[in-house]
Amino acid sequence: MSMTPARLPVVLDVGPAVHQSAGLSRYAERLAAHLLAGQADRVDLTLFYNAHSGHELPASLQGAPVRTLDRGQYAWRLGALASQLLRAPRFGSSILGSGPSWPLYHATEHLLPRLPGPTVMTVHDLIFERYPEHHTRTNRAFLKLAMPLFVRAADRIIAVSQQTKRDLVDLYHTPPEKITVIYEGVDPRFRPAPADEIARVRAAYSPDRPYLLMVGTLEPRKNHATAARALARLKAMGFPHRLLVVGGRGWLFDQVQAAVEAAGVASDVTFAGYVPAADLPPLYSGAACALMPSLYEGFGFPVLEAMACGAPVVCSNASSLPEVAGGAALLVPPTDDEALAGAVARVLREPGLAAGLREQGFAQAARFRWDRCAAETVGVYAEMMARV
């Protein structure tokens, strides 16, 4: 008579999915949704978040077991830090329940309180270490003190790329065997859009000419300055394209705007801000080329989203982008505007190259799936709980 194995008790921090809208939010929401839908036979999952903002769980996670704290944002962050500094478990029963045996806690953002049970933390990037000028002074000060403590305290680290793993080893001397690399996924909604949808977004965002596309928060790390200088070179070559920039304004947006004006292409760059979710796949699909010349990325969702929608991609050869792009994009040094312009010009002039990048892009994007991410994450849970 076979015994059904007990499900692994796990508390997953979904705070980013409640309070944010960027990459960390997507990770927490998609991982939780796939654990609930596809791993329920292996994991007994409880969701956790600090309810300081009054926001609620996204619709995809409604109905799941949930625990909440109600602490101010700074009280929660500083309380987590204090618990590690003092090596004193805090929030244990509020987060994990009453015991006597403790579930595993998975921190999905860079915040890990001291807890009595086993812990896993996902590290997305160490950008604040590599490019400290791209973080606010307050946030940088907190992370410089807190992140080494959180990384050391976690029983296991999940890194979203080999680049992040290298940074953890190089900067914090984290034992490599403590780190498991698990790639994130591409949402199935990113696929080639029908012609009428492409026509609709072209009419709305760039009705008079073809466009190049950049997607991501508007901050200097995304390297819009090099993109603007490359656009100036493309204009000098006679290309009519505008640069369409999609994403919210980061805290250093004035620098981005100044770089565009300095390159003399202000009339050729459109800052669209956040766009409706339904517009993003056809915007990718209709782009002549998608650009991601970032100085640093922990993962790089827009590269894979563009590929999944059939856009040829030119991106930088820095940080995680080569491993995410594989051989399916043209890679250039991030600050070399001449190389960026040359690569984009090749895509625009050579239909065979563009078609080849599209086909390779479909295959590359298909490798990154959230169901695989969830299954590999459960593998880490199982290994950790076997030690308890």
Protein backbone atom coordinates (compact mmCIF):
# COMPACT_ATOMS: atom_id res chain seq x y z
CA MET A 1 0.00 0.00 0.00
CA SER A 2 1.61 3.29 -1.10
CA MET A 3 1.59 6.29 1.14
CA THR A 4 0.77 9.71 -0.28
CA PRO A 5 3.67 12.02 0.63
CA ALA A 6 2.78 14.89 2.94
CA ARG A 7 2.55 18.28 1.30
CA LEU A 8 5.32 20.74 2.11
CA PRO A 9 4.13 23.57 4.39
CA VAL A 10 5.26 26.87 2.85
CA VAL A 11 4.54 30.53 3.59
CA LEU A 12 5.24 32.69 0.53
CA ASP A 13 5.75 36.46 0.77
CA VAL A 14 3.52 37.98 -1.93
CA GLY A 15 3.99 41.55 -0.70
CA PRO A 16 5.44 42.72 -4.03
CA ALA A 17 2.32 41.48 -5.85
CA VAL A 18 0.18 43.55 -3.49
CA HIS A 19 2.19 46.78 -3.33
CA GLN A 20 4.26 47.03 -6.53
CA SER A 21 3.92 46.83 -10.30
CA ALA A 22 7.42 46.04 -11.60
CA GLY A 23 9.49 42.88 -11.94
CA LEU A 24 9.37 41.81 -8.29
CA SER A 25 5.59 42.06 -8.37
CA ARG A 26 5.39 39.85 -11.44
CA TYR A 27 7.70 37.27 -9.88
CA ALA A 28 5.72 37.01 -6.63
CA GLU A 29 2.33 36.89 -8.37
CA ARG A 30 3.26 34.42 -11.12
CA LEU A 31 5.16 32.10 -8.77
CA ALA A 32 2.27 32.07 -6.28
CA ALA A 33 -0.32 31.49 -9.00
CA HIS A 34 1.62 28.56 -10.48
CA LEU A 35 2.29 27.03 -7.08
CA LEU A 36 -1.42 27.18 -6.31
CA ALA A 37 -2.55 25.89 -9.71
CA GLY A 38 0.14 23.36 -10.59
CA GLN A 39 1.89 22.33 -7.37
CA ALA A 40 -1.00 22.00 -4.92
CA ASP A 41 -0.36 18.27 -4.57
CA ARG A 42 3.18 18.98 -3.38
CA VAL A 43 2.87 22.26 -1.46
CA ASP A 44 0.50 23.39 1.28
CA LEU A 45 0.81 27.11 0.49
CA THR A 46 -0.10 30.09 2.64
CA LEU A 47 0.35 33.59 1.25
CA PHE A 48 1.74 36.40 3.42
CA TYR A 49 1.97 40.15 3.04
CA ASN A 50 2.29 43.26 5.16
CA ALA A 51 -1.04 45.04 4.79
CA HIS A 52 0.26 48.54 5.44
CA SER A 53 -1.05 50.10 2.23
CA GLY A 54 -4.63 48.91 2.28
CA HIS A 55 -4.08 47.18 -1.07
CA GLU A 56 -5.43 43.68 -1.61
CA LEU A 57 -4.25 40.50 -3.27
CA PRO A 58 -4.46 40.48 -7.08
CA ALA A 59 -7.46 38.64 -8.49
CA SER A 60 -5.32 35.66 -9.52
CA LEU A 61 -4.51 34.92 -5.86
CA GLN A 62 -7.89 35.57 -4.28
CA GLY A 63 -9.22 32.66 -2.23
CA ALA A 64 -5.86 31.26 -1.18
CA PRO A 65 -5.01 30.94 2.53
CA VAL A 66 -3.42 34.19 3.67
CA ARG A 67 -1.81 35.80 6.71
CA THR A 68 -1.11 39.49 7.05
CA LEU A 69 0.70 41.93 9.27
CA ASP A 70 -0.40 45.53 9.60
CA ARG A 71 2.81 47.44 10.13
CA GLY A 72 3.88 50.66 8.51
CA GLN A 73 6.19 50.12 5.57
CA TYR A 74 9.24 51.48 7.39
CA ALA A 75 8.36 49.71 10.64
CA TRP A 76 8.18 46.42 8.76
CA ARG A 77 11.48 46.92 6.93
CA LEU A 78 13.33 48.21 9.98
CA GLY A 79 11.81 45.49 12.15
CA ALA A 80 13.08 42.82 9.76
CA LEU A 81 16.54 44.40 9.80
CA ALA A 82 16.57 44.72 13.59
CA SER A 83 15.62 41.05 13.99
CA GLN A 84 18.68 40.05 11.95
CA LEU A 85 21.02 42.49 13.67
CA LEU A 86 19.91 41.23 17.09
CA ARG A 87 19.59 37.62 15.93
CA ALA A 88 16.20 37.63 17.62
CA PRO A 89 13.25 35.99 15.82
CA ARG A 90 10.35 38.41 15.34
CA PHE A 91 6.93 38.16 13.71
CA GLY A 92 7.19 34.35 13.92
CA SER A 93 3.62 33.48 14.90
CA SER A 94 2.16 36.32 12.82
CA ILE A 95 3.87 35.02 9.68
CA LEU A 96 4.27 31.30 10.27
CA GLY A 97 1.41 30.40 12.61
CA SER A 98 1.55 28.91 16.06
CA GLY A 99 3.85 25.92 15.57
CA PRO A 100 5.06 23.62 17.10
CA SER A 101 6.56 22.67 13.73
CA TRP A 102 7.40 25.60 11.49
CA PRO A 103 6.66 25.93 7.78
CA LEU A 104 9.29 27.12 5.34
CA TYR A 105 9.23 30.86 4.63
CA HIS A 106 10.09 32.15 1.15
CA ALA A 107 11.00 35.84 0.89
CA THR A 108 10.40 37.00 -2.69
CA GLU A 109 11.80 40.49 -2.26
CA HIS A 110 14.95 41.65 -0.56
CA LEU A 111 13.52 41.55 2.96
CA LEU A 112 13.95 38.64 5.36
CA PRO A 113 13.02 38.84 9.06
CA ARG A 114 14.62 36.47 11.54
CA LEU A 115 12.28 33.48 11.83
CA PRO A 116 12.38 30.20 13.76
CA GLY A 117 11.82 27.97 10.71
CA PRO A 118 13.75 27.30 7.48
CA THR A 119 14.00 30.22 5.07
CA VAL A 120 14.55 30.74 1.36
CA MET A 121 15.14 34.15 -0.20
CA THR A 122 15.03 35.11 -3.85
CA VAL A 123 17.67 37.63 -4.87
CA HIS A 124 16.83 39.44 -8.10
CA ASP A 125 19.90 41.63 -8.43
CA LEU A 126 22.55 43.57 -6.56
CA ILE A 127 22.25 46.68 -8.71
CA PHE A 128 22.62 48.93 -5.67
CA GLU A 129 26.12 47.46 -5.22
CA ARG A 130 27.17 47.63 -8.88
CA TYR A 131 25.53 50.99 -9.67
CA PRO A 132 24.87 52.72 -6.33
CA GLU A 133 24.21 56.06 -8.02
CA HIS A 134 21.02 54.59 -9.47
CA HIS A 135 19.39 54.14 -6.05
CA THR A 136 18.10 56.75 -3.64
CA ARG A 137 20.46 57.48 -0.78
CA THR A 138 18.02 56.13 1.81
CA ASN A 139 17.34 52.89 -0.04
CA ARG A 140 21.02 52.38 -0.77
CA ALA A 141 21.94 52.84 2.90
CA PHE A 142 19.30 50.32 3.98
CA LEU A 143 20.31 47.71 1.43
CA LYS A 144 24.06 48.11 2.03
CA LEU A 145 23.49 47.19 5.67
CA ALA A 146 20.59 44.77 5.31
CA MET A 147 21.26 42.66 2.22
CA PRO A 148 24.46 40.98 3.43
CA LEU A 149 22.63 40.08 6.65
CA PHE A 150 19.58 38.74 4.82
CA VAL A 151 21.69 36.71 2.39
CA ARG A 152 23.77 35.24 5.21
CA ALA A 153 20.69 34.45 7.32
CA ALA A 154 18.72 32.69 4.56
CA ASP A 155 19.14 28.92 4.56
CA ARG A 156 18.98 28.88 0.75
CA ILE A 157 19.16 31.56 -1.93
CA ILE A 158 17.32 31.46 -5.25
CA ALA A 159 18.99 33.67 -7.87
CA VAL A 160 17.07 34.64 -11.01
CA SER A 161 20.16 34.51 -13.23
CA GLN A 162 23.73 33.27 -13.31
CA GLN A 163 24.77 36.93 -13.20
CA THR A 164 23.03 37.42 -9.87
CA LYS A 165 24.66 34.26 -8.55
CA ARG A 166 28.08 35.56 -9.63
CA ASP A 167 27.41 38.85 -7.88
CA LEU A 168 26.42 37.07 -4.66
CA VAL A 169 29.61 35.03 -4.72
CA ASP A 170 31.86 37.94 -5.71
CA LEU A 171 30.41 40.66 -3.48
CA TYR A 172 29.18 38.72 -0.43
CA HIS A 173 31.33 35.57 -0.67
CA THR A 174 28.15 33.50 -0.55
CA PRO A 175 28.97 29.80 -0.89
CA PRO A 176 27.98 28.79 -4.44
CA GLU A 177 26.33 25.62 -3.17
CA LYS A 178 23.89 27.75 -1.16
CA ILE A 179 22.57 29.36 -4.37
CA THR A 180 20.19 27.81 -6.90
CA VAL A 181 19.58 29.62 -10.19
CA ILE A 182 15.93 29.43 -11.26
CA TYR A 183 14.92 31.46 -14.29
CA GLU A 184 11.66 33.37 -14.36
CA GLY A 185 9.05 32.90 -17.07
CA VAL A 186 7.31 34.71 -19.90
CA ASP A 187 3.58 35.23 -19.54
CA PRO A 188 1.63 33.43 -22.32
CA ARG A 189 -0.12 36.69 -23.20
CA PHE A 190 3.11 37.73 -24.92
CA ARG A 191 2.67 36.25 -28.38
CA PRO A 192 2.41 37.70 -31.89
CA ALA A 193 -0.58 40.03 -31.99
CA PRO A 194 -3.16 39.98 -34.79
CA ALA A 195 -2.82 42.58 -37.53
CA ASP A 196 -5.80 44.63 -36.38
CA GLU A 197 -4.33 45.00 -32.89
CA ILE A 198 -0.97 46.05 -34.30
CA ALA A 199 -2.73 48.62 -36.47
CA ARG A 200 -4.65 49.89 -33.45
CA VAL A 201 -1.57 50.57 -31.32
CA ARG A 202 0.36 52.04 -34.24
CA ALA A 203 -2.46 54.50 -34.77
CA ALA A 204 -2.44 55.38 -31.08
CA TYR A 205 1.30 55.62 -30.41
CA SER A 206 3.12 56.20 -33.72
CA PRO A 207 0.65 56.88 -36.52
CA ASP A 208 3.03 58.68 -38.86
CA ARG A 209 6.09 56.40 -38.99
CA PRO A 210 7.62 53.08 -37.90
CA TYR A 211 9.06 52.82 -34.42
CA LEU A 212 11.79 51.28 -32.31
CA LEU A 213 10.66 50.17 -28.85
CA MET A 214 12.16 50.33 -25.36
CA VAL A 215 10.21 48.94 -22.40
CA GLY A 216 11.14 49.48 -18.75
CA THR A 217 11.17 52.00 -15.94
CA LEU A 218 12.67 55.30 -17.05
CA GLU A 219 15.89 55.51 -15.08
CA PRO A 220 19.54 55.99 -16.08
CA ARG A 221 20.42 52.29 -15.62
CA LYS A 222 18.21 51.48 -18.61
CA ASN A 223 20.61 53.58 -20.68
CA HIS A 224 18.21 55.71 -22.68
CA ALA A 225 21.14 58.11 -23.17
CA THR A 226 22.98 55.66 -25.43
CA ALA A 227 19.72 54.82 -27.20
CA ALA A 228 19.14 58.53 -27.90
CA ARG A 229 22.63 58.98 -29.35
CA ALA A 230 22.13 55.86 -31.46
CA LEU A 231 18.82 57.25 -32.70
CA ALA A 232 20.59 60.44 -33.77
CA ARG A 233 22.99 58.30 -35.82
CA LEU A 234 20.09 56.41 -37.37
CA LYS A 235 18.39 59.69 -38.30
CA ALA A 236 21.62 60.81 -39.98
CA MET A 237 21.53 57.57 -41.99
CA GLY A 238 18.08 58.49 -43.23
CA PHE A 239 15.93 56.15 -41.14
CA PRO A 240 12.50 57.68 -40.34
CA HIS A 241 11.86 55.71 -37.15
CA ARG A 242 10.86 57.22 -33.85
CA LEU A 243 11.91 55.73 -30.49
CA LEU A 244 8.86 54.78 -28.43
CA VAL A 245 9.67 54.44 -24.74
CA VAL A 246 7.17 52.58 -22.56
CA GLY A 247 7.42 52.57 -18.76
CA GLY A 248 6.89 54.60 -15.64
CA ARG A 249 9.15 57.49 -14.72
CA GLY A 250 11.84 56.53 -12.26
CA TRP A 251 13.34 58.81 -9.66
CA LEU A 252 16.06 60.12 -12.01
CA PHE A 253 13.85 60.74 -15.04
CA ASP A 254 15.16 64.28 -15.51
CA GLN A 255 18.53 62.79 -16.49
CA VAL A 256 16.82 60.66 -19.13
CA GLN A 257 14.99 63.65 -20.56
CA ALA A 258 18.18 65.72 -20.59
CA ALA A 259 20.06 62.96 -22.45
CA VAL A 260 17.38 62.88 -25.16
CA GLU A 261 17.51 66.64 -25.58
CA ALA A 262 21.31 66.65 -25.66
CA ALA A 263 21.25 64.11 -28.50
CA GLY A 264 18.99 66.42 -30.51
CA VAL A 265 16.21 63.83 -30.92
CA ALA A 266 13.53 65.17 -28.58
CA SER A 267 11.03 65.34 -31.46
CA ASP A 268 11.81 61.73 -32.39
CA VAL A 269 11.34 60.18 -28.93
CA THR A 270 7.92 59.51 -27.42
CA PHE A 271 7.64 58.77 -23.70
CA ALA A 272 4.39 56.83 -23.50
CA GLY A 273 4.51 56.14 -19.75
CA TYR A 274 2.64 53.11 -18.48
CA VAL A 275 0.42 51.62 -21.17
CA PRO A 276 -2.60 49.33 -20.73
CA ALA A 277 -1.59 45.69 -20.41
CA ALA A 278 -3.54 44.86 -23.56
CA ASP A 279 -1.40 47.28 -25.59
CA LEU A 280 1.99 45.80 -24.76
CA PRO A 281 1.94 42.60 -26.89
CA PRO A 282 0.84 44.46 -30.06
CA LEU A 283 3.38 47.21 -29.36
CA TYR A 284 6.14 44.58 -29.27
CA SER A 285 4.68 42.83 -32.32
CA GLY A 286 4.57 46.05 -34.35
CA ALA A 287 8.06 47.27 -33.46
CA ALA A 288 10.68 47.33 -36.19
CA CYS A 289 13.19 46.46 -33.45
CA ALA A 290 13.16 46.20 -29.66
CA LEU A 291 16.10 47.77 -27.81
CA MET A 292 17.46 47.00 -24.36
CA PRO A 293 20.89 48.64 -24.00
CA SER A 294 20.80 48.46 -20.19
CA LEU A 295 23.93 48.92 -18.13
CA TYR A 296 22.74 46.18 -15.78
CA GLU A 297 19.78 43.82 -15.45
CA GLY A 298 19.22 41.06 -12.93
CA PHE A 299 17.03 39.27 -15.48
CA GLY A 300 15.57 41.33 -18.35
CA PHE A 301 11.89 40.55 -18.96
CA PRO A 302 11.47 42.90 -21.96
CA VAL A 303 14.02 40.95 -24.01
CA LEU A 304 11.98 37.75 -23.71
CA GLU A 305 8.62 39.48 -24.04
CA ALA A 306 9.75 41.09 -27.29
CA MET A 307 11.03 37.77 -28.60
CA ALA A 308 7.79 36.00 -27.68
CA CYS A 309 5.88 38.62 -29.68
CA GLY A 310 8.10 38.30 -32.72
CA ALA A 311 10.17 41.47 -32.45
CA PRO A 312 13.87 41.33 -33.38
CA VAL A 313 15.98 42.37 -30.40
CA VAL A 314 19.19 44.34 -29.97
CA CYS A 315 20.45 44.42 -26.39
CA SER A 316 23.60 45.07 -24.43
CA ASN A 317 26.21 42.41 -23.75
CA ALA A 318 26.28 43.30 -20.04
CA SER A 319 25.11 41.54 -16.86
CA SER A 320 22.39 38.89 -17.33
CA LEU A 321 21.26 39.93 -20.80
CA PRO A 322 23.54 37.60 -22.81
CA GLU A 323 22.29 34.54 -20.89
CA VAL A 324 18.65 35.62 -21.25
CA ALA A 325 18.97 36.52 -24.92
CA GLY A 326 21.02 33.46 -25.83
CA GLY A 327 21.97 33.60 -29.49
CA ALA A 328 18.64 35.13 -30.47
CA ALA A 329 19.58 38.83 -30.27
CA LEU A 330 22.31 41.13 -31.54
CA LEU A 331 24.53 42.10 -28.60
CA VAL A 332 26.47 45.37 -28.31
CA PRO A 333 28.53 47.09 -25.60
CA PRO A 334 26.05 49.10 -23.50
CA THR A 335 27.65 52.54 -23.89
CA ASP A 336 28.68 52.23 -27.55
CA ASP A 337 26.05 54.22 -29.42
CA GLU A 338 27.81 53.65 -32.74
CA ALA A 339 27.61 49.86 -32.27
CA LEU A 340 23.97 50.11 -31.17
CA ALA A 341 23.05 52.20 -34.21
CA GLY A 342 24.93 49.82 -36.48
CA ALA A 343 23.15 46.76 -35.09
CA VAL A 344 19.73 48.36 -35.36
CA ALA A 345 20.52 49.52 -38.91
CA ARG A 346 21.37 45.94 -39.85
CA VAL A 347 18.01 44.75 -38.55
CA LEU A 348 16.20 47.48 -40.47
CA ARG A 349 18.15 46.96 -43.72
CA GLU A 350 18.42 43.17 -43.78
CA PRO A 351 15.03 41.41 -43.86
CA GLY A 352 16.69 38.00 -43.70
CA LEU A 353 18.52 38.92 -40.51
CA ALA A 354 15.35 40.30 -38.92
CA ALA A 355 13.42 37.15 -39.88
CA GLY A 356 16.14 34.93 -38.45
CA LEU A 357 16.16 36.86 -35.16
CA ARG A 358 12.39 36.50 -34.95
CA GLU A 359 12.51 32.72 -35.38
CA GLN A 360 15.38 32.30 -32.93
CA GLY A 361 13.58 34.62 -30.52
CA PHE A 362 10.45 32.46 -30.45
CA ALA A 363 12.55 29.41 -29.54
CA GLN A 364 14.54 31.27 -26.89
CA ALA A 365 11.49 32.79 -25.18
CA ALA A 366 9.77 29.40 -25.08
CA ARG A 367 12.52 28.12 -22.77
CA PHE A 368 11.41 30.45 -19.97
CA ARG A 369 8.19 29.15 -18.39
CA TRP A 370 6.54 29.93 -15.09
CA ASP A 371 5.40 26.32 -14.58
CA ARG A 372 9.04 25.25 -14.78
CA CYS A 373 10.03 28.05 -12.38
CA ALA A 374 7.41 26.86 -9.87
CA ALA A 375 8.42 23.20 -10.18
CA GLU A 376 12.12 23.97 -9.69
CA THR A 377 11.26 26.19 -6.72
CA VAL A 378 9.34 23.31 -5.11
CA GLY A 379 12.46 21.23 -5.60
CA VAL A 380 14.34 23.71 -3.42
CA TYR A 381 11.54 23.60 -0.82
CA ALA A 382 11.65 19.81 -0.71
CA GLU A 383 15.41 19.76 -0.24
CA MET A 384 15.20 22.31 2.57
CA MET A 385 12.32 20.60 4.40
CA ALA A 386 14.11 17.25 4.20
CA ARG A 387 16.77 18.75 6.47
CA VAL A 388 14.32 19.85 9.16
